[in-house]
Structures are given as structure tokens and as C-alpha cells.
Amino acid sequence: MIDLGKYAGTVLAAYGASLALIAGLVLATLWRGRKARRALEAQEARARKAKAGGDAQGKEHANG
């Protein structure tokens, strides 16, 4: 290992804190991405359901 002298503890702590923060940011990004994907899929499902329901109602009125 590289000899860091009397600052070894400070330097290693800074590296450790940096790695922990980067890992936290990566995990937060993945979590928010999954959350956004679920929200988008739910919205798309509602839109498909509304469109399918609207098409059925429109056909009933046209035939009536």
C-alpha cells in the first residue's frame, strides 16, 4: 500500500466517505428510476383502459 504518512487516516476516511456517497447516489438513482418506471406504467395502463372504455362507449352511441 502507498505510504500516506501521518495523513493516512484522514485520506482513507475521505476515500471511504466519497465511495459511500457515490454508492448512495447510485442506489438513489436506481430507486427513483424504478419508481418513475412504475408510475409511467400505471399511467399508461390507465390511458389504455380509458381509451378502450371510450371506444366501447362511442360504438354504443353510434349503433344506437
N, C-alpha and C. Protein backbone atom coordinates (compact mmCIF):
# COMPACT_ATOMS: atom_id res chain seq x y z
N MET A 1 0.84 -1.17 0.00
CA MET A 1 0.00 0.00 0.00
C MET A 1 0.89 1.24 0.00
N ILE A 2 0.37 2.30 -0.55
CA ILE A 2 1.11 3.55 -0.61
C ILE A 2 1.27 4.11 0.80
N ASP A 3 2.44 4.61 1.09
CA ASP A 3 2.69 5.22 2.40
C ASP A 3 2.10 6.63 2.40
N LEU A 4 1.07 6.83 3.21
CA LEU A 4 0.40 8.12 3.28
C LEU A 4 0.89 8.97 4.45
N GLY A 5 1.80 8.42 5.21
CA GLY A 5 2.37 9.19 6.31
C GLY A 5 1.35 9.47 7.39
N LYS A 6 1.50 10.62 8.01
CA LYS A 6 0.64 10.96 9.15
C LYS A 6 -0.79 11.30 8.73
N TYR A 7 -1.04 11.45 7.44
CA TYR A 7 -2.39 11.78 6.96
C TYR A 7 -3.17 10.55 6.48
N ALA A 8 -2.63 9.38 6.72
CA ALA A 8 -3.25 8.14 6.21
C ALA A 8 -4.71 8.02 6.68
N GLY A 9 -4.96 8.26 7.93
CA GLY A 9 -6.33 8.14 8.46
C GLY A 9 -7.28 9.11 7.79
N THR A 10 -6.84 10.35 7.63
CA THR A 10 -7.68 11.37 7.01
C THR A 10 -7.94 11.06 5.54
N VAL A 11 -6.91 10.65 4.83
CA VAL A 11 -7.06 10.34 3.41
C VAL A 11 -7.95 9.12 3.21
N LEU A 12 -7.74 8.08 3.98
CA LEU A 12 -8.57 6.88 3.85
C LEU A 12 -10.01 7.15 4.25
N ALA A 13 -10.22 7.98 5.26
CA ALA A 13 -11.58 8.35 5.65
C ALA A 13 -12.27 9.14 4.54
N ALA A 14 -11.52 10.02 3.88
CA ALA A 14 -12.09 10.79 2.78
C ALA A 14 -12.45 9.88 1.61
N TYR A 15 -11.57 8.93 1.30
CA TYR A 15 -11.88 7.96 0.25
C TYR A 15 -13.12 7.15 0.62
N GLY A 16 -13.18 6.70 1.85
CA GLY A 16 -14.32 5.91 2.30
C GLY A 16 -15.62 6.70 2.23
N ALA A 17 -15.59 7.95 2.68
CA ALA A 17 -16.78 8.80 2.63
C ALA A 17 -17.19 9.05 1.18
N SER A 18 -16.22 9.28 0.32
CA SER A 18 -16.54 9.51 -1.09
C SER A 18 -17.18 8.29 -1.73
N LEU A 19 -16.63 7.12 -1.47
CA LEU A 19 -17.20 5.89 -2.02
C LEU A 19 -18.61 5.65 -1.48
N ALA A 20 -18.82 5.92 -0.19
CA ALA A 20 -20.14 5.74 0.41
C ALA A 20 -21.16 6.70 -0.23
N LEU A 21 -20.76 7.94 -0.45
CA LEU A 21 -21.66 8.91 -1.07
C LEU A 21 -21.98 8.54 -2.52
N ILE A 22 -20.99 8.10 -3.26
CA ILE A 22 -21.22 7.70 -4.64
C ILE A 22 -22.15 6.48 -4.68
N ALA A 23 -21.92 5.51 -3.80
CA ALA A 23 -22.80 4.34 -3.74
C ALA A 23 -24.22 4.76 -3.39
N GLY A 24 -24.36 5.69 -2.46
CA GLY A 24 -25.68 6.19 -2.10
C GLY A 24 -26.37 6.87 -3.25
N LEU A 25 -25.64 7.65 -4.02
CA LEU A 25 -26.22 8.32 -5.19
C LEU A 25 -26.65 7.32 -6.25
N VAL A 26 -25.85 6.30 -6.46
CA VAL A 26 -26.20 5.26 -7.44
C VAL A 26 -27.47 4.54 -6.99
N LEU A 27 -27.54 4.15 -5.72
CA LEU A 27 -28.72 3.46 -5.22
C LEU A 27 -29.96 4.36 -5.29
N ALA A 28 -29.82 5.63 -4.93
CA ALA A 28 -30.95 6.56 -5.00
C ALA A 28 -31.42 6.74 -6.44
N THR A 29 -30.50 6.79 -7.37
CA THR A 29 -30.85 6.92 -8.78
C THR A 29 -31.60 5.69 -9.27
N LEU A 30 -31.12 4.51 -8.91
CA LEU A 30 -31.81 3.28 -9.30
C LEU A 30 -33.20 3.22 -8.68
N TRP A 31 -33.34 3.59 -7.42
CA TRP A 31 -34.62 3.56 -6.73
C TRP A 31 -35.61 4.53 -7.39
N ARG A 32 -35.16 5.73 -7.67
CA ARG A 32 -36.05 6.72 -8.30
C ARG A 32 -36.41 6.30 -9.72
N GLY A 33 -35.48 5.67 -10.43
CA GLY A 33 -35.77 5.18 -11.78
C GLY A 33 -36.84 4.11 -11.76
N ARG A 34 -36.75 3.19 -10.81
CA ARG A 34 -37.78 2.15 -10.70
C ARG A 34 -39.12 2.75 -10.33
N LYS A 35 -39.09 3.71 -9.43
CA LYS A 35 -40.33 4.38 -9.01
C LYS A 35 -40.97 5.10 -10.19
N ALA A 36 -40.16 5.78 -10.97
CA ALA A 36 -40.67 6.50 -12.14
C ALA A 36 -41.21 5.52 -13.18
N ARG A 37 -40.53 4.40 -13.37
CA ARG A 37 -40.98 3.40 -14.34
C ARG A 37 -42.33 2.83 -13.92
N ARG A 38 -42.50 2.53 -12.62
CA ARG A 38 -43.79 2.02 -12.15
C ARG A 38 -44.89 3.05 -12.35
N ALA A 39 -44.59 4.31 -12.05
CA ALA A 39 -45.59 5.36 -12.23
C ALA A 39 -45.97 5.51 -13.70
N LEU A 40 -45.00 5.45 -14.59
CA LEU A 40 -45.27 5.56 -16.02
C LEU A 40 -46.10 4.38 -16.52
N GLU A 41 -45.74 3.18 -16.08
CA GLU A 41 -46.52 2.00 -16.49
C GLU A 41 -47.95 2.09 -15.99
N ALA A 42 -48.15 2.58 -14.77
CA ALA A 42 -49.50 2.74 -14.23
C ALA A 42 -50.28 3.77 -15.04
N GLN A 43 -49.64 4.87 -15.38
CA GLN A 43 -50.31 5.91 -16.18
C GLN A 43 -50.66 5.39 -17.57
N GLU A 44 -49.76 4.65 -18.18
CA GLU A 44 -50.04 4.09 -19.50
C GLU A 44 -51.18 3.08 -19.43
N ALA A 45 -51.23 2.29 -18.36
CA ALA A 45 -52.32 1.32 -18.20
C ALA A 45 -53.65 2.05 -18.05
N ARG A 46 -53.67 3.14 -17.28
CA ARG A 46 -54.90 3.92 -17.12
C ARG A 46 -55.32 4.52 -18.46
N ALA A 47 -54.35 4.98 -19.23
CA ALA A 47 -54.66 5.58 -20.53
C ALA A 47 -55.22 4.53 -21.49
N ARG A 48 -54.63 3.33 -21.50
CA ARG A 48 -55.14 2.26 -22.36
C ARG A 48 -56.55 1.85 -21.92
N LYS A 49 -56.76 1.78 -20.62
CA LYS A 49 -58.07 1.40 -20.11
C LYS A 49 -59.11 2.46 -20.47
N ALA A 50 -58.76 3.71 -20.33
CA ALA A 50 -59.68 4.80 -20.67
C ALA A 50 -59.98 4.80 -22.17
N LYS A 51 -58.96 4.56 -22.97
CA LYS A 51 -59.16 4.53 -24.42
C LYS A 51 -60.06 3.37 -24.81
N ALA A 52 -59.83 2.21 -24.21
CA ALA A 52 -60.66 1.04 -24.51
C ALA A 52 -62.10 1.29 -24.06
N GLY A 53 -62.28 1.89 -22.92
CA GLY A 53 -63.62 2.21 -22.43
C GLY A 53 -64.28 3.27 -23.28
N GLY A 54 -63.54 4.25 -23.72
CA GLY A 54 -64.08 5.30 -24.58
C GLY A 54 -64.47 4.77 -25.94
N ASP A 55 -63.71 3.82 -26.48
CA ASP A 55 -64.05 3.24 -27.77
C ASP A 55 -65.35 2.45 -27.68
N ALA A 56 -65.53 1.70 -26.59
CA ALA A 56 -66.75 0.90 -26.42
C ALA A 56 -67.97 1.81 -26.29
N GLN A 57 -67.85 2.89 -25.57
CA GLN A 57 -68.96 3.81 -25.41
C GLN A 57 -69.29 4.51 -26.71
N GLY A 58 -68.29 4.86 -27.47
CA GLY A 58 -68.51 5.53 -28.74
C GLY A 58 -69.23 4.63 -29.73
N LYS A 59 -68.94 3.32 -29.73
CA LYS A 59 -69.59 2.39 -30.62
C LYS A 59 -71.06 2.19 -30.25
N GLU A 60 -71.34 2.20 -28.94
CA GLU A 60 -72.72 2.04 -28.49
C GLU A 60 -73.57 3.21 -28.97
N HIS A 61 -73.05 4.42 -28.86
CA HIS A 61 -73.79 5.60 -29.29
C HIS A 61 -73.95 5.63 -30.81
N ALA A 62 -72.96 5.15 -31.52
CA ALA A 62 -73.04 5.18 -32.98
C ALA A 62 -74.07 4.17 -33.48
N ASN A 63 -74.17 3.02 -32.79
CA ASN A 63 -75.11 1.98 -33.20
C ASN A 63 -76.52 2.26 -32.70
N GLY A 64 -76.68 3.10 -31.65
CA GLY A 64 -77.97 3.31 -31.01
C GLY A 64 -78.82 4.20 -31.75
